[in-house]
Amino acid sequence: MNMHPEELAMAASLLPGNSIQPSAVVLGAGIAEVIFGVVWLFTKHRRRLFWLQTIVFPVLTLSATISDPSTLIHPFSPLTFNLCLLILSIIGLLISRDVPTAKTCKRQR
């Protein structure tokens, strides 16, 4: 698996001391992202995932800003990217109750 040098540098700046390798943290985060995506495909309780995302995105933005504040000037900075994802999660959370399912569909003959 190829890891971006900036991700490794950001993980290294957030980790205290030399007890944990940054590559292990980046690899674990990548595996967690893949698992989260697979859960999105197969779960019925998407509102819980929307709630989880509305909590996680600000935390990720804050940790990326603390680890390397210079990333805020990049075109696709963690601030703009995660803010867009947070807004989409809030919209999804608000409209998820109104999405019809096959279980609640009523047919007329």
PDB file of N, CA and C in Angstrom:
ATOM      1  N   MET A   1       0.847  -1.168   0.000  1.00  0.00           N
ATOM      2  CA  MET A   1       0.000   0.000   0.000  1.00  0.00           C
ATOM      3  C   MET A   1       0.898   1.239   0.000  1.00  0.00           C
ATOM      4  N   ASN A   2       0.586   2.189  -0.859  1.00  0.00           N
ATOM      5  CA  ASN A   2       1.367   3.410  -0.950  1.00  0.00           C
ATOM      6  C   ASN A   2       0.768   4.478  -0.038  1.00  0.00           C
ATOM      7  N   MET A   3       1.613   5.107   0.759  1.00  0.00           N
ATOM      8  CA  MET A   3       1.150   6.140   1.691  1.00  0.00           C
ATOM      9  C   MET A   3       1.741   7.479   1.280  1.00  0.00           C
ATOM     10  N   HIS A   4       0.910   8.504   1.298  1.00  0.00           N
ATOM     11  CA  HIS A   4       1.349   9.835   0.914  1.00  0.00           C
ATOM     12  C   HIS A   4       2.265  10.400   1.994  1.00  0.00           C
ATOM     13  N   PRO A   5       3.367  11.038   1.597  1.00  0.00           N
ATOM     14  CA  PRO A   5       4.300  11.579   2.593  1.00  0.00           C
ATOM     15  C   PRO A   5       3.675  12.615   3.533  1.00  0.00           C
ATOM     16  N   GLU A   6       2.710  13.396   3.021  1.00  0.00           N
ATOM     17  CA  GLU A   6       2.072  14.392   3.892  1.00  0.00           C
ATOM     18  C   GLU A   6       1.216  13.722   4.967  1.00  0.00           C
ATOM     19  N   GLU A   7       0.549  12.630   4.608  1.00  0.00           N
ATOM     20  CA  GLU A   7      -0.230  11.902   5.615  1.00  0.00           C
ATOM     21  C   GLU A   7       0.682  11.345   6.696  1.00  0.00           C
ATOM     22  N   LEU A   8       1.812  10.799   6.287  1.00  0.00           N
ATOM     23  CA  LEU A   8       2.766  10.277   7.265  1.00  0.00           C
ATOM     24  C   LEU A   8       3.300  11.384   8.165  1.00  0.00           C
ATOM     25  N   ALA A   9       3.596  12.549   7.575  1.00  0.00           N
ATOM     26  CA  ALA A   9       4.112  13.674   8.365  1.00  0.00           C
ATOM     27  C   ALA A   9       3.055  14.183   9.344  1.00  0.00           C
ATOM     28  N   MET A  10       1.801  14.239   8.906  1.00  0.00           N
ATOM     29  CA  MET A  10       0.735  14.703   9.792  1.00  0.00           C
ATOM     30  C   MET A  10       0.517  13.715  10.933  1.00  0.00           C
ATOM     31  N   ALA A  11       0.562  12.428  10.627  1.00  0.00           N
ATOM     32  CA  ALA A  11       0.399  11.417  11.680  1.00  0.00           C
ATOM     33  C   ALA A  11       1.564  11.472  12.655  1.00  0.00           C
ATOM     34  N   ALA A  12       2.773  11.691  12.146  1.00  0.00           N
ATOM     35  CA  ALA A  12       3.950  11.766  13.017  1.00  0.00           C
ATOM     36  C   ALA A  12       3.876  12.983  13.938  1.00  0.00           C
ATOM     37  N   SER A  13       3.331  14.095  13.442  1.00  0.00           N
ATOM     38  CA  SER A  13       3.260  15.294  14.282  1.00  0.00           C
ATOM     39  C   SER A  13       2.193  15.179  15.363  1.00  0.00           C
ATOM     40  N   LEU A  14       1.191  14.329  15.149  1.00  0.00           N
ATOM     41  CA  LEU A  14       0.140  14.159  16.150  1.00  0.00           C
ATOM     42  C   LEU A  14       0.480  13.121  17.210  1.00  0.00           C
ATOM     43  N   LEU A  15       1.397  12.204  16.885  1.00  0.00           N
ATOM     44  CA  LEU A  15       1.720  11.119  17.806  1.00  0.00           C
ATOM     45  C   LEU A  15       2.757  11.558  18.833  1.00  0.00           C
ATOM     46  N   PRO A  16       2.533  11.227  20.102  1.00  0.00           N
ATOM     47  CA  PRO A  16       3.516  11.574  21.128  1.00  0.00           C
ATOM     48  C   PRO A  16       4.689  10.590  21.110  1.00  0.00           C
ATOM     49  N   GLY A  17       5.901  11.113  21.058  1.00  0.00           N
ATOM     50  CA  GLY A  17       7.093  10.258  21.142  1.00  0.00           C
ATOM     51  C   GLY A  17       7.256   9.347  19.950  1.00  0.00           C
ATOM     52  N   ASN A  18       7.986   8.287  20.139  1.00  0.00           N
ATOM     53  CA  ASN A  18       8.246   7.322  19.076  1.00  0.00           C
ATOM     54  C   ASN A  18       7.624   5.971  19.368  1.00  0.00           C
ATOM     55  N   SER A  19       6.601   5.941  20.204  1.00  0.00           N
ATOM     56  CA  SER A  19       6.025   4.656  20.605  1.00  0.00           C
ATOM     57  C   SER A  19       5.210   3.998  19.494  1.00  0.00           C
ATOM     58  N   ILE A  20       4.591   4.795  18.621  1.00  0.00           N
ATOM     59  CA  ILE A  20       3.752   4.255  17.556  1.00  0.00           C
ATOM     60  C   ILE A  20       4.284   4.759  16.217  1.00  0.00           C
ATOM     61  N   GLN A  21       4.385   3.852  15.258  1.00  0.00           N
ATOM     62  CA  GLN A  21       4.850   4.223  13.926  1.00  0.00           C
ATOM     63  C   GLN A  21       3.750   4.972  13.171  1.00  0.00           C
ATOM     64  N   PRO A  22       4.077   6.093  12.525  1.00  0.00           N
ATOM     65  CA  PRO A  22       3.063   6.823  11.743  1.00  0.00           C
ATOM     66  C   PRO A  22       2.483   5.984  10.608  1.00  0.00           C
ATOM     67  N   SER A  23       3.297   5.109  10.017  1.00  0.00           N
ATOM     68  CA  SER A  23       2.782   4.280   8.919  1.00  0.00           C
ATOM     69  C   SER A  23       1.695   3.330   9.413  1.00  0.00           C
ATOM     70  N   ALA A  24       1.799   2.852  10.645  1.00  0.00           N
ATOM     71  CA  ALA A  24       0.772   1.980  11.202  1.00  0.00           C
ATOM     72  C   ALA A  24      -0.526   2.753  11.425  1.00  0.00           C
ATOM     73  N   VAL A  25      -0.414   3.999  11.842  1.00  0.00           N
ATOM     74  CA  VAL A  25      -1.598   4.826  12.070  1.00  0.00           C
ATOM     75  C   VAL A  25      -2.293   5.131  10.746  1.00  0.00           C
ATOM     76  N   VAL A  26      -1.510   5.488   9.725  1.00  0.00           N
ATOM     77  CA  VAL A  26      -2.084   5.787   8.412  1.00  0.00           C
ATOM     78  C   VAL A  26      -2.720   4.533   7.811  1.00  0.00           C
ATOM     79  N   LEU A  27      -2.069   3.400   7.948  1.00  0.00           N
ATOM     80  CA  LEU A  27      -2.630   2.142   7.451  1.00  0.00           C
ATOM     81  C   LEU A  27      -3.932   1.807   8.183  1.00  0.00           C
ATOM     82  N   GLY A  28      -3.954   1.982   9.494  1.00  0.00           N
ATOM     83  CA  GLY A  28      -5.173   1.730  10.273  1.00  0.00           C
ATOM     84  C   GLY A  28      -6.304   2.661   9.871  1.00  0.00           C
ATOM     85  N   ALA A  29      -5.977   3.926   9.619  1.00  0.00           N
ATOM     86  CA  ALA A  29      -7.003   4.880   9.185  1.00  0.00           C
ATOM     87  C   ALA A  29      -7.551   4.494   7.816  1.00  0.00           C
ATOM     88  N   GLY A  30      -6.685   4.041   6.929  1.00  0.00           N
ATOM     89  CA  GLY A  30      -7.137   3.613   5.605  1.00  0.00           C
ATOM     90  C   GLY A  30      -8.043   2.404   5.676  1.00  0.00           C
ATOM     91  N   ILE A  31      -7.684   1.439   6.502  1.00  0.00           N
ATOM     92  CA  ILE A  31      -8.519   0.249   6.675  1.00  0.00           C
ATOM     93  C   ILE A  31      -9.861   0.636   7.293  1.00  0.00           C
ATOM     94  N   ALA A  32      -9.845   1.555   8.260  1.00  0.00           N
ATOM     95  CA  ALA A  32     -11.096   2.008   8.885  1.00  0.00           C
ATOM     96  C   ALA A  32     -11.996   2.708   7.865  1.00  0.00           C
ATOM     97  N   GLU A  33     -11.415   3.488   6.948  1.00  0.00           N
ATOM     98  CA  GLU A  33     -12.207   4.148   5.912  1.00  0.00           C
ATOM     99  C   GLU A  33     -12.870   3.133   4.989  1.00  0.00           C
ATOM    100  N   VAL A  34     -12.137   2.092   4.613  1.00  0.00           N
ATOM    101  CA  VAL A  34     -12.699   1.065   3.741  1.00  0.00           C
ATOM    102  C   VAL A  34     -13.832   0.324   4.453  1.00  0.00           C
ATOM    103  N   ILE A  35     -13.631  -0.019   5.708  1.00  0.00           N
ATOM    104  CA  ILE A  35     -14.670  -0.706   6.478  1.00  0.00           C
ATOM    105  C   ILE A  35     -15.909   0.182   6.617  1.00  0.00           C
ATOM    106  N   PHE A  36     -15.706   1.471   6.861  1.00  0.00           N
ATOM    107  CA  PHE A  36     -16.820   2.403   6.984  1.00  0.00           C
ATOM    108  C   PHE A  36     -17.601   2.475   5.671  1.00  0.00           C
ATOM    109  N   GLY A  37     -16.905   2.480   4.544  1.00  0.00           N
ATOM    110  CA  GLY A  37     -17.579   2.490   3.249  1.00  0.00           C
ATOM    111  C   GLY A  37     -18.390   1.235   2.998  1.00  0.00           C
ATOM    112  N   VAL A  38     -17.859   0.089   3.400  1.00  0.00           N
ATOM    113  CA  VAL A  38     -18.588  -1.173   3.241  1.00  0.00           C
ATOM    114  C   VAL A  38     -19.814  -1.204   4.148  1.00  0.00           C
ATOM    115  N   VAL A  39     -19.691  -0.659   5.347  1.00  0.00           N
ATOM    116  CA  VAL A  39     -20.843  -0.578   6.261  1.00  0.00           C
ATOM    117  C   VAL A  39     -21.941   0.272   5.634  1.00  0.00           C
ATOM    118  N   TRP A  40     -21.567   1.361   4.952  1.00  0.00           N
ATOM    119  CA  TRP A  40     -22.551   2.211   4.281  1.00  0.00           C
ATOM    120  C   TRP A  40     -23.327   1.432   3.234  1.00  0.00           C
ATOM    121  N   LEU A  41     -22.672   0.490   2.573  1.00  0.00           N
ATOM    122  CA  LEU A  41     -23.349  -0.275   1.523  1.00  0.00           C
ATOM    123  C   LEU A  41     -24.386  -1.244   2.074  1.00  0.00           C
ATOM    124  N   PHE A  42     -24.147  -1.794   3.250  1.00  0.00           N
ATOM    125  CA  PHE A  42     -24.965  -2.905   3.725  1.00  0.00           C
ATOM    126  C   PHE A  42     -25.810  -2.614   4.962  1.00  0.00           C
ATOM    127  N   THR A  43     -25.808  -1.408   5.470  1.00  0.00           N
ATOM    128  CA  THR A  43     -26.578  -1.134   6.678  1.00  0.00           C
ATOM    129  C   THR A  43     -27.956  -0.567   6.350  1.00  0.00           C
ATOM    130  N   LYS A  44     -28.870  -0.814   7.244  1.00  0.00           N
ATOM    131  CA  LYS A  44     -30.206  -0.239   7.121  1.00  0.00           C
ATOM    132  C   LYS A  44     -30.357   1.013   7.986  1.00  0.00           C
ATOM    133  N   HIS A  45     -29.490   1.176   8.954  1.00  0.00           N
ATOM    134  CA  HIS A  45     -29.580   2.285   9.913  1.00  0.00           C
ATOM    135  C   HIS A  45     -28.635   3.403   9.500  1.00  0.00           C
ATOM    136  N   ARG A  46     -28.966   4.074   8.425  1.00  0.00           N
ATOM    137  CA  ARG A  46     -28.076   5.109   7.900  1.00  0.00           C
ATOM    138  C   ARG A  46     -28.097   6.382   8.734  1.00  0.00           C
ATOM    139  N   ARG A  47     -29.167   6.619   9.458  1.00  0.00           N
ATOM    140  CA  ARG A  47     -29.219   7.824  10.310  1.00  0.00           C
ATOM    141  C   ARG A  47     -28.110   7.799  11.348  1.00  0.00           C
ATOM    142  N   ARG A  48     -27.802   6.617  11.878  1.00  0.00           N
ATOM    143  CA  ARG A  48     -26.708   6.506  12.844  1.00  0.00           C
ATOM    144  C   ARG A  48     -25.373   6.869  12.203  1.00  0.00           C
ATOM    145  N   LEU A  49     -25.192   6.465  10.961  1.00  0.00           N
ATOM    146  CA  LEU A  49     -23.954   6.803  10.265  1.00  0.00           C
ATOM    147  C   LEU A  49     -23.872   8.298   9.972  1.00  0.00           C
ATOM    148  N   PHE A  50     -25.011   8.915   9.642  1.00  0.00           N
ATOM    149  CA  PHE A  50     -25.014  10.366   9.452  1.00  0.00           C
ATOM    150  C   PHE A  50     -24.633  11.082  10.745  1.00  0.00           C
ATOM    151  N   TRP A  51     -25.176  10.616  11.873  1.00  0.00           N
ATOM    152  CA  TRP A  51     -24.823  11.213  13.162  1.00  0.00           C
ATOM    153  C   TRP A  51     -23.339  11.034  13.451  1.00  0.00           C
ATOM    154  N   LEU A  52     -22.829   9.850  13.177  1.00  0.00           N
ATOM    155  CA  LEU A  52     -21.410   9.582  13.397  1.00  0.00           C
ATOM    156  C   LEU A  52     -20.551  10.506  12.539  1.00  0.00           C
ATOM    157  N   GLN A  53     -20.943  10.706  11.300  1.00  0.00           N
ATOM    158  CA  GLN A  53     -20.184  11.591  10.415  1.00  0.00           C
ATOM    159  C   GLN A  53     -20.213  13.038  10.891  1.00  0.00           C
ATOM    160  N   THR A  54     -21.364  13.496  11.411  1.00  0.00           N
ATOM    161  CA  THR A  54     -21.427  14.883  11.876  1.00  0.00           C
ATOM    162  C   THR A  54     -20.542  15.112  13.096  1.00  0.00           C
ATOM    163  N   ILE A  55     -20.213  14.052  13.802  1.00  0.00           N
ATOM    164  CA  ILE A  55     -19.289  14.169  14.933  1.00  0.00           C
ATOM    165  C   ILE A  55     -17.841  14.022  14.479  1.00  0.00           C
ATOM    166  N   VAL A  56     -17.602  13.096  13.560  1.00  0.00           N
ATOM    167  CA  VAL A  56     -16.228  12.764  13.168  1.00  0.00           C
ATOM    168  C   VAL A  56     -15.607  13.835  12.268  1.00  0.00           C
ATOM    169  N   PHE A  57     -16.356  14.412  11.337  1.00  0.00           N
ATOM    170  CA  PHE A  57     -15.757  15.370  10.407  1.00  0.00           C
ATOM    171  C   PHE A  57     -15.150  16.597  11.094  1.00  0.00           C
ATOM    172  N   PRO A  58     -15.818  17.221  12.074  1.00  0.00           N
ATOM    173  CA  PRO A  58     -15.152  18.325  12.767  1.00  0.00           C
ATOM    174  C   PRO A  58     -13.894  17.891  13.530  1.00  0.00           C
ATOM    175  N   VAL A  59     -13.917  16.680  14.096  1.00  0.00           N
ATOM    176  CA  VAL A  59     -12.744  16.173  14.813  1.00  0.00           C
ATOM    177  C   VAL A  59     -11.581  15.964  13.836  1.00  0.00           C
ATOM    178  N   LEU A  60     -11.869  15.400  12.673  1.00  0.00           N
ATOM    179  CA  LEU A  60     -10.828  15.203  11.670  1.00  0.00           C
ATOM    180  C   LEU A  60     -10.273  16.534  11.173  1.00  0.00           C
ATOM    181  N   THR A  61     -11.147  17.507  10.978  1.00  0.00           N
ATOM    182  CA  THR A  61     -10.697  18.828  10.536  1.00  0.00           C
ATOM    183  C   THR A  61      -9.796  19.465  11.579  1.00  0.00           C
ATOM    184  N   LEU A  62     -10.186  19.381  12.826  1.00  0.00           N
ATOM    185  CA  LEU A  62      -9.386  19.950  13.905  1.00  0.00           C
ATOM    186  C   LEU A  62      -8.035  19.257  14.024  1.00  0.00           C
ATOM    187  N   SER A  63      -8.022  17.940  13.936  1.00  0.00           N
ATOM    188  CA  SER A  63      -6.749  17.221  14.059  1.00  0.00           C
ATOM    189  C   SER A  63      -5.833  17.514  12.876  1.00  0.00           C
ATOM    190  N   ALA A  64      -6.378  17.643  11.672  1.00  0.00           N
ATOM    191  CA  ALA A  64      -5.548  17.985  10.513  1.00  0.00           C
ATOM    192  C   ALA A  64      -5.003  19.401  10.630  1.00  0.00           C
ATOM    193  N   THR A  65      -5.794  20.311  11.164  1.00  0.00           N
ATOM    194  CA  THR A  65      -5.346  21.694  11.338  1.00  0.00           C
ATOM    195  C   THR A  65      -4.271  21.789  12.412  1.00  0.00           C
ATOM    196  N   ILE A  66      -4.425  21.047  13.477  1.00  0.00           N
ATOM    197  CA  ILE A  66      -3.424  21.066  14.550  1.00  0.00           C
ATOM    198  C   ILE A  66      -2.109  20.449  14.076  1.00  0.00           C
ATOM    199  N   SER A  67      -2.200  19.369  13.319  1.00  0.00           N
ATOM    200  CA  SER A  67      -0.973  18.678  12.904  1.00  0.00           C
ATOM    201  C   SER A  67      -0.176  19.469  11.882  1.00  0.00           C
ATOM    202  N   ASP A  68      -0.851  20.170  10.962  1.00  0.00           N
ATOM    203  CA  ASP A  68      -0.141  20.951   9.952  1.00  0.00           C
ATOM    204  C   ASP A  68      -1.018  22.110   9.490  1.00  0.00           C
ATOM    205  N   PRO A  69      -0.916  23.263  10.145  1.00  0.00           N
ATOM    206  CA  PRO A  69      -1.766  24.400   9.778  1.00  0.00           C
ATOM    207  C   PRO A  69      -1.547  24.910   8.352  1.00  0.00           C
ATOM    208  N   SER A  70      -0.406  24.600   7.746  1.00  0.00           N
ATOM    209  CA  SER A  70      -0.151  25.078   6.389  1.00  0.00           C
ATOM    210  C   SER A  70      -1.050  24.406   5.355  1.00  0.00           C
ATOM    211  N   THR A  71      -1.717  23.305   5.717  1.00  0.00           N
ATOM    212  CA  THR A  71      -2.615  22.652   4.766  1.00  0.00           C
ATOM    213  C   THR A  71      -3.873  23.468   4.504  1.00  0.00           C
ATOM    214  N   LEU A  72      -4.141  24.453   5.342  1.00  0.00           N
ATOM    215  CA  LEU A  72      -5.341  25.271   5.163  1.00  0.00           C
ATOM    216  C   LEU A  72      -5.273  26.166   3.938  1.00  0.00           C
ATOM    217  N   ILE A  73      -4.080  26.403   3.410  1.00  0.00           N
ATOM    218  CA  ILE A  73      -3.963  27.266   2.233  1.00  0.00           C
ATOM    219  C   ILE A  73      -4.019  26.477   0.932  1.00  0.00           C
ATOM    220  N   HIS A  74      -4.061  25.161   0.997  1.00  0.00           N
ATOM    221  CA  HIS A  74      -4.146  24.337  -0.209  1.00  0.00           C
ATOM    222  C   HIS A  74      -5.545  24.423  -0.808  1.00  0.00           C
ATOM    223  N   PRO A  75      -5.670  24.197  -2.122  1.00  0.00           N
ATOM    224  CA  PRO A  75      -6.990  24.304  -2.764  1.00  0.00           C
ATOM    225  C   PRO A  75      -8.035  23.351  -2.173  1.00  0.00           C
ATOM    226  N   PHE A  76      -7.642  22.120  -1.908  1.00  0.00           N
ATOM    227  CA  PHE A  76      -8.573  21.166  -1.308  1.00  0.00           C
ATOM    228  C   PHE A  76      -8.131  20.900   0.126  1.00  0.00           C
ATOM    229  N   SER A  77      -8.199  21.938   0.918  1.00  0.00           N
ATOM    230  CA  SER A  77      -7.741  21.834   2.297  1.00  0.00           C
ATOM    231  C   SER A  77      -8.709  20.990   3.123  1.00  0.00           C
ATOM    232  N   PRO A  78      -8.241  20.464   4.247  1.00  0.00           N
ATOM    233  CA  PRO A  78      -9.147  19.703   5.115  1.00  0.00           C
ATOM    234  C   PRO A  78     -10.344  20.530   5.585  1.00  0.00           C
ATOM    235  N   LEU A  79     -10.148  21.837   5.711  1.00  0.00           N
ATOM    236  CA  LEU A  79     -11.246  22.682   6.169  1.00  0.00           C
ATOM    237  C   LEU A  79     -12.370  22.717   5.143  1.00  0.00           C
ATOM    238  N   THR A  80     -12.058  23.031   3.894  1.00  0.00           N
ATOM    239  CA  THR A  80     -13.109  23.131   2.876  1.00  0.00           C
ATOM    240  C   THR A  80     -13.698  21.770   2.546  1.00  0.00           C
ATOM    241  N   PHE A  81     -12.851  20.757   2.443  1.00  0.00           N
ATOM    242  CA  PHE A  81     -13.326  19.421   2.090  1.00  0.00           C
ATOM    243  C   PHE A  81     -14.223  18.849   3.184  1.00  0.00           C
ATOM    244  N   ASN A  82     -13.774  18.882   4.413  1.00  0.00           N
ATOM    245  CA  ASN A  82     -14.568  18.316   5.507  1.00  0.00           C
ATOM    246  C   ASN A  82     -15.799  19.153   5.805  1.00  0.00           C
ATOM    247  N   LEU A  83     -15.736  20.456   5.561  1.00  0.00           N
ATOM    248  CA  LEU A  83     -16.919  21.294   5.749  1.00  0.00           C
ATOM    249  C   LEU A  83     -18.005  20.915   4.745  1.00  0.00           C
ATOM    250  N   CYS A  84     -17.613  20.671   3.493  1.00  0.00           N
ATOM    251  CA  CYS A  84     -18.583  20.215   2.495  1.00  0.00           C
ATOM    252  C   CYS A  84     -19.170  18.860   2.875  1.00  0.00           C
ATOM    253  N   LEU A  85     -18.334  17.950   3.342  1.00  0.00           N
ATOM    254  CA  LEU A  85     -18.831  16.634   3.751  1.00  0.00           C
ATOM    255  C   LEU A  85     -19.744  16.737   4.973  1.00  0.00           C
ATOM    256  N   LEU A  86     -19.427  17.644   5.887  1.00  0.00           N
ATOM    257  CA  LEU A  86     -20.277  17.856   7.056  1.00  0.00           C
ATOM    258  C   LEU A  86     -21.647  18.385   6.640  1.00  0.00           C
ATOM    259  N   ILE A  87     -21.668  19.332   5.725  1.00  0.00           N
ATOM    260  CA  ILE A  87     -22.940  19.891   5.251  1.00  0.00           C
ATOM    261  C   ILE A  87     -23.762  18.819   4.543  1.00  0.00           C
ATOM    262  N   LEU A  88     -23.111  17.995   3.719  1.00  0.00           N
ATOM    263  CA  LEU A  88     -23.833  16.910   3.055  1.00  0.00           C
ATOM    264  C   LEU A  88     -24.376  15.900   4.068  1.00  0.00           C
ATOM    265  N   SER A  89     -23.626  15.642   5.122  1.00  0.00           N
ATOM    266  CA  SER A  89     -24.101  14.725   6.163  1.00  0.00           C
ATOM    267  C   SER A  89     -25.304  15.294   6.897  1.00  0.00           C
ATOM    268  N   ILE A  90     -25.282  16.580   7.169  1.00  0.00           N
ATOM    269  CA  ILE A  90     -26.422  17.222   7.835  1.00  0.00           C
ATOM    270  C   ILE A  90     -27.654  17.189   6.928  1.00  0.00           C
ATOM    271  N   ILE A  91     -27.463  17.457   5.638  1.00  0.00           N
ATOM    272  CA  ILE A  91     -28.581  17.375   4.697  1.00  0.00           C
ATOM    273  C   ILE A  91     -29.119  15.947   4.648  1.00  0.00           C
ATOM    274  N   GLY A  92     -28.233  14.973   4.584  1.00  0.00           N
ATOM    275  CA  GLY A  92     -28.662  13.576   4.581  1.00  0.00           C
ATOM    276  C   GLY A  92     -29.404  13.206   5.841  1.00  0.00           C
ATOM    277  N   LEU A  93     -28.936  13.726   6.968  1.00  0.00           N
ATOM    278  CA  LEU A  93     -29.598  13.459   8.241  1.00  0.00           C
ATOM    279  C   LEU A  93     -31.004  14.055   8.264  1.00  0.00           C
ATOM    280  N   LEU A  94     -31.144  15.257   7.717  1.00  0.00           N
ATOM    281  CA  LEU A  94     -32.444  15.920   7.723  1.00  0.00           C
ATOM    282  C   LEU A  94     -33.453  15.252   6.792  1.00  0.00           C
ATOM    283  N   ILE A  95     -33.011  14.751   5.652  1.00  0.00           N
ATOM    284  CA  ILE A  95     -33.963  14.171   4.700  1.00  0.00           C
ATOM    285  C   ILE A  95     -34.076  12.659   4.806  1.00  0.00           C
ATOM    286  N   SER A  96     -33.284  12.038   5.667  1.00  0.00           N
ATOM    287  CA  SER A  96     -33.295  10.572   5.725  1.00  0.00           C
ATOM    288  C   SER A  96     -34.600  10.003   6.259  1.00  0.00           C
ATOM    289  N   ARG A  97     -35.349  10.767   6.989  1.00  0.00           N
ATOM    290  CA  ARG A  97     -36.641  10.271   7.491  1.00  0.00           C
ATOM    291  C   ARG A  97     -37.681  10.214   6.384  1.00  0.00           C
ATOM    292  N   ASP A  98     -37.525  11.060   5.376  1.00  0.00           N
ATOM    293  CA  ASP A  98     -38.531  11.148   4.321  1.00  0.00           C
ATOM    294  C   ASP A  98     -38.246  10.247   3.128  1.00  0.00           C
ATOM    295  N   VAL A  99     -37.163   9.504   3.162  1.00  0.00           N
ATOM    296  CA  VAL A  99     -36.819   8.632   2.042  1.00  0.00           C
ATOM    297  C   VAL A  99     -37.680   7.378   2.111  1.00  0.00           C
ATOM    298  N   PRO A 100     -38.419   7.096   1.045  1.00  0.00           N
ATOM    299  CA  PRO A 100     -39.274   5.908   1.091  1.00  0.00           C
ATOM    300  C   PRO A 100     -38.460   4.618   0.984  1.00  0.00           C
ATOM    301  N   THR A 101     -38.982   3.582   1.575  1.00  0.00           N
ATOM    302  CA  THR A 101     -38.376   2.270   1.468  1.00  0.00           C
ATOM    303  C   THR A 101     -39.422   1.294   0.947  1.00  0.00           C
ATOM    304  N   ALA A 102     -38.970   0.138   0.534  1.00  0.00           N
ATOM    305  CA  ALA A 102     -39.914  -0.867   0.054  1.00  0.00           C
ATOM    306  C   ALA A 102     -40.829  -1.338   1.176  1.00  0.00           C
ATOM    307  N   LYS A 103     -40.351  -1.274   2.395  1.00  0.00           N
ATOM    308  CA  LYS A 103     -41.132  -1.713   3.546  1.00  0.00           C
ATOM    309  C   LYS A 103     -42.321  -0.793   3.802  1.00  0.00           C
ATOM    310  N   THR A 104     -42.155   0.513   3.554  1.00  0.00           N
ATOM    311  CA  THR A 104     -43.220   1.467   3.845  1.00  0.00           C
ATOM    312  C   THR A 104     -44.025   1.855   2.617  1.00  0.00           C
ATOM    313  N   CYS A 105     -43.734   1.254   1.503  1.00  0.00           N
ATOM    314  CA  CYS A 105     -44.433   1.575   0.248  1.00  0.00           C
ATOM    315  C   CYS A 105     -45.821   0.938   0.245  1.00  0.00           C
ATOM    316  N   LYS A 106     -46.818   1.692  -0.162  1.00  0.00           N
ATOM    317  CA  LYS A 106     -48.192   1.183  -0.245  1.00  0.00           C
ATOM    318  C   LYS A 106     -48.625   1.204  -1.719  1.00  0.00           C
ATOM    319  N   ARG A 107     -48.954   0.043  -2.209  1.00  0.00           N
ATOM    320  CA  ARG A 107     -49.362  -0.054  -3.609  1.00  0.00           C
ATOM    321  C   ARG A 107     -50.871   0.062  -3.728  1.00  0.00           C
ATOM    322  N   GLN A 108     -51.281   0.621  -4.823  1.00  0.00           N
ATOM    323  CA  GLN A 108     -52.709   0.675  -5.135  1.00  0.00           C
ATOM    324  C   GLN A 108     -52.963  -0.164  -6.371  1.00  0.00           C
ATOM    325  N   ARG A 109     -54.032  -0.926  -6.358  1.00  0.00           N
ATOM    326  CA  ARG A 109     -54.374  -1.744  -7.525  1.00  0.00           C
ATOM    327  C   ARG A 109     -55.576  -1.176  -8.219  1.00  0.00           C
TER     328      ARG A 109
END
